[in-house]
Amino acid sequence: MAQKLQHNVTIKGTKDGLVLLLDDLCSFEHLLEELNDKLSDDHGQLLNGPLISVIVKTGNRYLTDQQSGLIREIIGQKKNLEIKRFETNVITVAEAEEMKKEAQIMRVSKVVRSGQVLSVQGDLLLIGDVNPGGTIVATGNIFVLGSLKGIAHSGSSGNREAVIAASVMKPTQLRIADMINRAPDHYPEHGHEMECAFISDEEGQILIDRISIVHKIRPELNRL
C-alpha cells in the first residue's frame, strides 16, 4: 500500500532563506513527526550547505513556549538552520490588552510644573501647559492644548511615526522615539500658531510645521 502523502509541513525557499508553513488543523504530534521527516529526508542536500535563515509560520495555531521549544529543537538538529522568527495570526490576551493600551488616548487636565513628569501608555491629550523643567512622555502621540515649554517625548517605546502637537510650541527639548531635537536659543514673541513635530523620512530629523499638515504626513491620526 502506498504511503499516504503528508502536507502538514510545507517548505519554501526564498531569497532570504526558508519559510516553513505549518498546518494549523492537524495534531501537534503529527506536525512534529512530519517536520522531522521532511528535514531529515526530502531536503537533505539543501540542508547540508551554508547557514540558512528560517521563518516559521504557524497560521492560526497558538504555540506554547514548550511547543515552540520542541520545534526549535528539531530545526536546531540541522546545524545550518537558524530560526529567525515565528509568525502567527494568533495573539494572547495579554498581547491584546497591550495593543488596547497602546491605542488608547489618555486625557489629562493639569499644568505640568518644573520637576514633574507625566508619563502615559498610548496617546496623551494634555489640556494645560508644560512649564519649563516639566516633562511629558507617551508611547504614542502627544497633543498639548496649551503651552509646551518643557520636554516632550512621544513614541517613547520606539514608535518613530509618533507626533508632538501643541497650541504654543516653545519646548526646551523634543524627543520622538530615539531622536532628539533641542530648542533654539530664542523663540519669537509673536506669530506662533499651533504646530506639530514629526520625524521626516527625507530629512532624517525632527521637523516642526503647521498643525494643518498632520493629516497629510500621518493620515492614520484621523481616528482622533
Protein backbone atom coordinates (compact mmCIF):
# COMPACT_ATOMS: atom_id res chain seq x y z
CA MET A 1 0.00 0.00 0.00
CA ALA A 2 1.36 3.39 -0.96
CA GLN A 3 2.28 5.66 1.91
CA LYS A 4 -0.20 8.47 2.49
CA LEU A 5 1.12 11.84 1.38
CA GLN A 6 1.65 14.35 4.15
CA HIS A 7 1.01 18.04 3.65
CA ASN A 8 1.14 19.38 7.19
CA VAL A 9 4.56 20.96 6.63
CA THR A 10 5.45 22.94 3.52
CA ILE A 11 9.00 24.12 2.95
CA LYS A 12 9.50 27.08 0.63
CA GLY A 13 12.76 28.64 -0.42
CA THR A 14 13.11 32.43 -0.68
CA LYS A 15 15.99 34.76 -1.46
CA ASP A 16 16.39 35.27 2.29
CA GLY A 17 16.29 31.61 3.32
CA LEU A 18 13.49 29.16 4.09
CA VAL A 19 9.87 29.56 5.13
CA LEU A 20 8.23 26.66 6.97
CA LEU A 21 4.44 26.70 6.65
CA LEU A 22 2.93 24.60 9.44
CA ASP A 23 -0.65 23.37 9.14
CA ASP A 24 -2.84 24.71 11.94
CA LEU A 25 -5.50 21.97 11.89
CA CYS A 26 -3.57 18.73 12.36
CA SER A 27 -2.45 17.48 15.76
CA PHE A 28 0.77 18.91 17.10
CA GLU A 29 2.26 15.41 17.37
CA HIS A 30 1.68 14.75 13.65
CA LEU A 31 3.15 18.16 12.87
CA LEU A 32 6.37 17.39 14.75
CA GLU A 33 6.64 13.97 13.14
CA GLU A 34 6.30 15.33 9.62
CA LEU A 35 8.61 18.26 10.30
CA ASN A 36 11.30 15.88 11.49
CA ASP A 37 10.79 13.57 8.48
CA LYS A 38 10.95 16.35 5.91
CA LEU A 39 14.03 17.97 7.39
CA SER A 40 15.73 14.57 7.59
CA ASP A 41 14.90 13.18 4.15
CA ASP A 42 13.30 15.36 1.50
CA HIS A 43 15.72 18.27 1.71
CA GLY A 44 18.91 16.50 2.71
CA GLN A 45 21.09 18.11 0.07
CA LEU A 46 19.73 21.60 0.75
CA LEU A 47 20.24 21.27 4.48
CA ASN A 48 23.92 20.39 4.26
CA GLY A 49 25.04 23.73 2.84
CA PRO A 50 25.80 27.15 4.36
CA LEU A 51 23.79 28.77 7.17
CA ILE A 52 20.13 29.29 6.24
CA SER A 53 17.70 31.67 7.96
CA VAL A 54 14.29 30.14 8.73
CA ILE A 55 10.90 31.79 9.30
CA VAL A 56 8.30 29.50 10.88
CA LYS A 57 4.68 30.39 10.06
CA THR A 58 2.09 28.72 12.29
CA GLY A 59 -1.11 30.26 10.88
CA ASN A 60 -3.99 30.15 13.38
CA ARG A 61 -2.21 27.72 15.70
CA TYR A 62 -1.17 29.09 19.10
CA LEU A 63 2.12 27.63 20.31
CA THR A 64 3.04 27.38 23.96
CA ASP A 65 6.64 28.03 24.96
CA GLN A 66 7.12 24.27 25.29
CA GLN A 67 5.79 23.61 21.79
CA SER A 68 7.95 26.36 20.31
CA GLY A 69 10.90 24.79 22.08
CA LEU A 70 10.20 21.38 20.52
CA ILE A 71 10.09 22.93 17.05
CA ARG A 72 13.33 24.78 17.76
CA GLU A 73 14.90 21.53 18.90
CA ILE A 74 14.01 19.70 15.67
CA ILE A 75 15.17 22.55 13.44
CA GLY A 76 18.27 23.05 15.58
CA GLN A 77 19.41 19.50 14.82
CA LYS A 78 20.27 20.78 11.37
CA LYS A 79 23.46 22.71 12.02
CA ASN A 80 22.97 25.06 9.09
CA LEU A 81 19.41 26.13 10.01
CA GLU A 82 18.80 29.17 12.20
CA ILE A 83 15.30 30.28 13.21
CA LYS A 84 14.88 33.98 12.52
CA ARG A 85 11.37 34.25 13.97
CA PHE A 86 7.96 32.65 14.43
CA GLU A 87 4.98 34.27 12.71
CA THR A 88 1.39 33.62 13.78
CA ASN A 89 -2.09 35.03 13.26
CA VAL A 90 -2.88 34.46 16.94
CA ILE A 91 -2.25 36.85 19.82
CA THR A 92 -2.58 36.20 23.52
CA VAL A 93 -4.99 38.00 25.84
CA ALA A 94 -2.03 39.86 27.34
CA GLU A 95 -0.89 40.99 23.89
CA ALA A 96 -4.43 42.11 23.02
CA GLU A 97 -4.64 44.12 26.24
CA GLU A 98 -1.26 45.70 25.49
CA MET A 99 -2.44 46.69 22.00
CA LYS A 100 -5.58 48.22 23.52
CA LYS A 101 -3.49 50.29 25.92
CA GLU A 102 -1.24 51.48 23.09
CA ALA A 103 -4.31 52.59 21.10
CA GLN A 104 -5.98 54.48 23.95
CA ILE A 105 -6.00 58.26 24.37
CA MET A 106 -5.25 59.42 27.91
CA ARG A 107 -6.92 62.76 28.62
CA VAL A 108 -5.30 64.79 31.40
CA SER A 109 -6.22 68.29 32.55
CA LYS A 110 -3.42 69.86 34.57
CA VAL A 111 -0.32 72.02 34.47
CA VAL A 112 2.93 70.04 34.44
CA ARG A 113 5.27 72.12 36.55
CA SER A 114 9.06 72.16 36.85
CA GLY A 115 10.36 68.85 38.18
CA GLN A 116 7.14 66.97 37.40
CA VAL A 117 6.95 64.07 34.94
CA LEU A 118 3.70 62.93 33.33
CA SER A 119 4.09 59.56 31.60
CA VAL A 120 1.34 57.54 29.88
CA GLN A 121 0.92 54.48 27.71
CA GLY A 122 -0.77 55.28 24.41
CA ASP A 123 -1.58 58.80 23.19
CA LEU A 124 -1.59 61.78 25.56
CA LEU A 125 -4.08 64.64 25.26
CA LEU A 126 -2.97 67.25 27.78
CA ILE A 127 -5.32 70.14 28.47
CA GLY A 128 -2.93 72.54 30.14
CA ASP A 129 0.62 73.82 29.99
CA VAL A 130 4.01 72.18 30.35
CA ASN A 131 6.21 74.64 32.19
CA PRO A 132 10.00 74.84 31.76
CA GLY A 133 11.51 71.92 33.67
CA GLY A 134 8.35 69.83 33.27
CA THR A 135 8.34 66.61 31.24
CA ILE A 136 5.61 64.70 29.42
CA VAL A 137 6.15 61.22 27.95
CA ALA A 138 3.89 58.97 25.88
CA THR A 139 4.42 55.72 23.99
CA GLY A 140 2.11 57.18 21.33
CA ASN A 141 1.39 60.72 20.17
CA ILE A 142 1.31 63.87 22.31
CA PHE A 143 -1.24 66.65 21.91
CA VAL A 144 -0.97 69.70 24.17
CA LEU A 145 -3.88 72.15 24.29
CA GLY A 146 -1.73 74.77 25.93
CA SER A 147 1.88 75.94 26.00
CA LEU A 148 4.66 73.39 25.66
CA LYS A 149 7.72 74.97 27.27
CA GLY A 150 9.29 71.89 28.84
CA ILE A 151 10.33 68.48 27.50
CA ALA A 152 8.06 66.27 25.40
CA HIS A 153 8.89 62.69 24.40
CA SER A 154 6.46 60.86 22.11
CA GLY A 155 6.88 57.33 20.75
CA SER A 156 8.93 56.53 23.85
CA SER A 157 8.78 52.78 23.17
CA GLY A 158 10.32 53.26 19.72
CA ASN A 159 7.43 54.49 17.55
CA ARG A 160 9.07 56.83 15.04
CA GLU A 161 5.67 57.63 13.48
CA ALA A 162 4.52 59.45 16.63
CA VAL A 163 4.00 63.22 16.60
CA ILE A 164 4.01 66.06 19.12
CA ALA A 165 1.50 68.89 18.71
CA ALA A 166 0.97 71.97 20.87
CA SER A 167 -1.03 75.19 20.82
CA VAL A 168 2.17 77.04 21.67
CA MET A 169 5.32 75.15 20.68
CA LYS A 170 8.26 76.51 22.70
CA PRO A 171 9.84 73.35 24.14
CA THR A 172 13.25 73.07 25.74
CA GLN A 173 13.59 69.65 24.12
CA LEU A 174 11.59 67.39 21.80
CA ARG A 175 12.08 63.65 21.54
CA ILE A 176 10.40 61.23 19.18
CA ALA A 177 11.42 57.60 19.69
CA ASP A 178 15.25 57.74 19.82
CA MET A 179 15.62 61.09 18.06
CA ILE A 180 16.21 64.37 19.91
CA ASN A 181 15.68 67.95 18.81
CA ARG A 182 16.92 70.70 21.10
CA ALA A 183 15.28 74.11 21.29
CA PRO A 184 16.73 77.24 19.67
CA ASP A 185 18.27 79.87 21.93
CA HIS A 186 15.32 82.22 21.41
CA TYR A 187 11.73 81.95 20.21
CA PRO A 188 9.95 84.86 18.52
CA GLU A 189 7.47 86.56 20.80
CA HIS A 190 4.66 86.64 18.26
CA GLY A 191 3.35 84.70 15.31
CA HIS A 192 3.18 81.24 16.90
CA GLU A 193 0.31 79.09 15.67
CA MET A 194 -0.50 75.55 16.72
CA GLU A 195 2.31 73.37 15.41
CA CYS A 196 3.38 69.75 15.29
CA ALA A 197 6.72 67.97 15.38
CA PHE A 198 7.44 64.76 13.49
CA ILE A 199 10.33 62.74 12.10
CA SER A 200 10.83 63.49 8.43
CA ASP A 201 11.94 60.48 6.41
CA GLU A 202 13.51 62.76 3.82
CA GLU A 203 15.41 64.94 6.29
CA GLY A 204 16.16 62.19 8.79
CA GLN A 205 15.43 64.54 11.68
CA ILE A 206 12.61 66.09 13.71
CA LEU A 207 10.83 68.91 11.90
CA ILE A 208 8.25 71.39 13.20
CA ASP A 209 5.47 72.60 10.92
CA ARG A 210 1.88 73.84 10.93
CA ILE A 211 -0.66 71.53 12.55
CA SER A 212 -2.65 71.55 9.30
CA ILE A 213 -0.17 69.18 7.63
CA VAL A 214 -0.74 66.37 10.14
CA HIS A 215 -3.48 64.73 8.06
CA LYS A 216 -1.02 64.50 5.16
CA ILE A 217 2.02 63.14 6.96
CA ARG A 218 0.12 60.92 9.42
CA PRO A 219 -3.31 60.13 7.88
CA GLU A 220 -3.92 57.42 10.47
CA LEU A 221 -4.43 60.17 13.07
CA ASN A 222 -7.88 60.82 11.61
CA ARG A 223 -9.14 58.34 14.20
CA LEU A 224 -8.64 61.01 16.89
